[in-house]
Amino acid sequence: MIQPVILCGGSGTRLWPLSREHHPKPLHAVNGERTLLQETALRCPSEPLVVCNETHRFLVQAQLRRAGARPKAIILESKGRGTAPALTLAAVHAVTADDPVLLAMPSDHFIAQPEAFQRAMERGAALARKGRIVAFGVPPASAETGYGYIRANAEYVEEFVEKPDAATAAQYLASGQYLWNAGIFAVRASVWIDAIGNFRPEILRACERAYRQGKRDGGFLRVEPAAFADCPADSIDYAVMENTGDAMVVRLDAGWSDVGAWDALWELEAKDADGNVIHGDVHAADTRNALLISQHRLLACVGLDDVVVVETADAVMVARKDKAQAIGAMVASLKAAGRAECLAHRKVQRPWGSYDGIENGERFQVKRIVVDPGAALSLQMHYHRAEHWIVVRGTARVTRGDETFLLTENESTYIPPGTRHRLENPGKLPLELIEVQSGAYLGEDDIVRFDDAYGRANSGSGS
């Protein structure tokens, strides 16, 4: 039996401003209609186990549902600890008398040839059934410095090597002995548990304790946060693959890309006669070999070659294409400066729908709120702000203090500070409304929840 394990962690900072900490790369569609997570799930030969950060749980669940993917379980990490603890949690969950082969796959990769991918996976699973730990290596197309490498002799791993400098990468490419490390692995659950227990026993102990002390929470399996916080961070490569003598490698020649930076996306996409990749409302004049993405407004470029320009609702990023790998460091500096644009988009997804912060100023903020049919916000209260709701489309059921009433299009209501309230959509169509907040403090952490269908804590996550 093959048990797919989708590792849905990381933030994909090199794809900023599209990818944000609260809405990372796997949850975006970067090459087609479906997101990278959805594409990964649809490649699975059976129902996957998904390991993701608790912060992203509702987005992950909703995207899998929309793609028609039915996860066997969604395991929630309270804090990212790397791929080794994530795979260990999956192995502890999956190990049974059947002892399945775990096929560990990052959720943010692109595969151009799914049939070739499936053939490679079957070969890897066959080796894993014999007790081997199998890595998948991609034949290198260039002297790439952004990937780790595997030195291979047929299907035997001779060495795992870290991301090289340009001269070393060129030597690897010329030798013909090296493959890119795709970060995909196949291993029996019991073999992984034995290996991680041998090389990193403290990871195994922490994961087993966090899993045993965890609990079911709706459609999720939530590991115990304090126990998991004691788990050291590490990757599959560092923790086990560089130490084991049981590693083998299967060639993955399937049009693989980790879409790790904007230049990688430019390589993947169809280009116009000038070598440009264009998405959205873009006008390009005397511009060649560029990646130009506009999400909200006209983007006009004149006389630019070999650049990346990405426009979102709250940020614009311009870079030379050959400097795409440096965007992650820039985002780290922005985050250190406290810039909110690193964390979330202006439009924020919630389990009940979404809100878009369309305007703000001193003592006021305006949001466009969309509530899905049958969904409801928590019963809540704010200490420092009042809210005015104007229904644009649909029907709202409003709880305000001790009263409950309906609002339809073009009707409005007022929620004073300190008043318990709830917004619901009892209809079969999306409810859209404009919310005007006013007060001395408008932060999302000014919220007290009295009842919530999604099991969220009181502070910090908004509505």
Foldseek 3Di string as FASTA:
>chain_A
DEAEEEEEEDFLLLAPPVTFALQGQQLDDLDDDAGLLLVVLVLDPDAYEYEYAPSCVLSSVVSCVVSVGDHPAYEHAPDDQEALLSLLLVLVVPDDPVQHKYKYDYSQKDFQFSVLVVVLVVVQRVLQVVVFKEFEFELDPALDQPFWKFFDDAFFTDATGHRDPSVVSVVVNVVSRMTTGNLIIIHGSVSSLVQLCVQPVQSNVLSVQQQVPWDDAVRHTYGNHVSNVSHHHDYPCVRGVRPDNRYTYTYRHGRMDSPSHPLSSLVPDDADPQSEDEEDQEAEECEHVEYEYADPDYHYYYNYYQWYWYDDPPDIDIGRNVCSVCSSVVLVVCVVVVDCSNHDGQWAADSQGIKHFPDDDQFKTKIKDKGAAFGKFFFKAFAWKKKKKAWQAAKKWKDWAPDIDIDHHRDMDIHDHPITMMIGHNDNHITIIMMMMGGNDDDQQRMAGPGGPRPDHTGDDHD
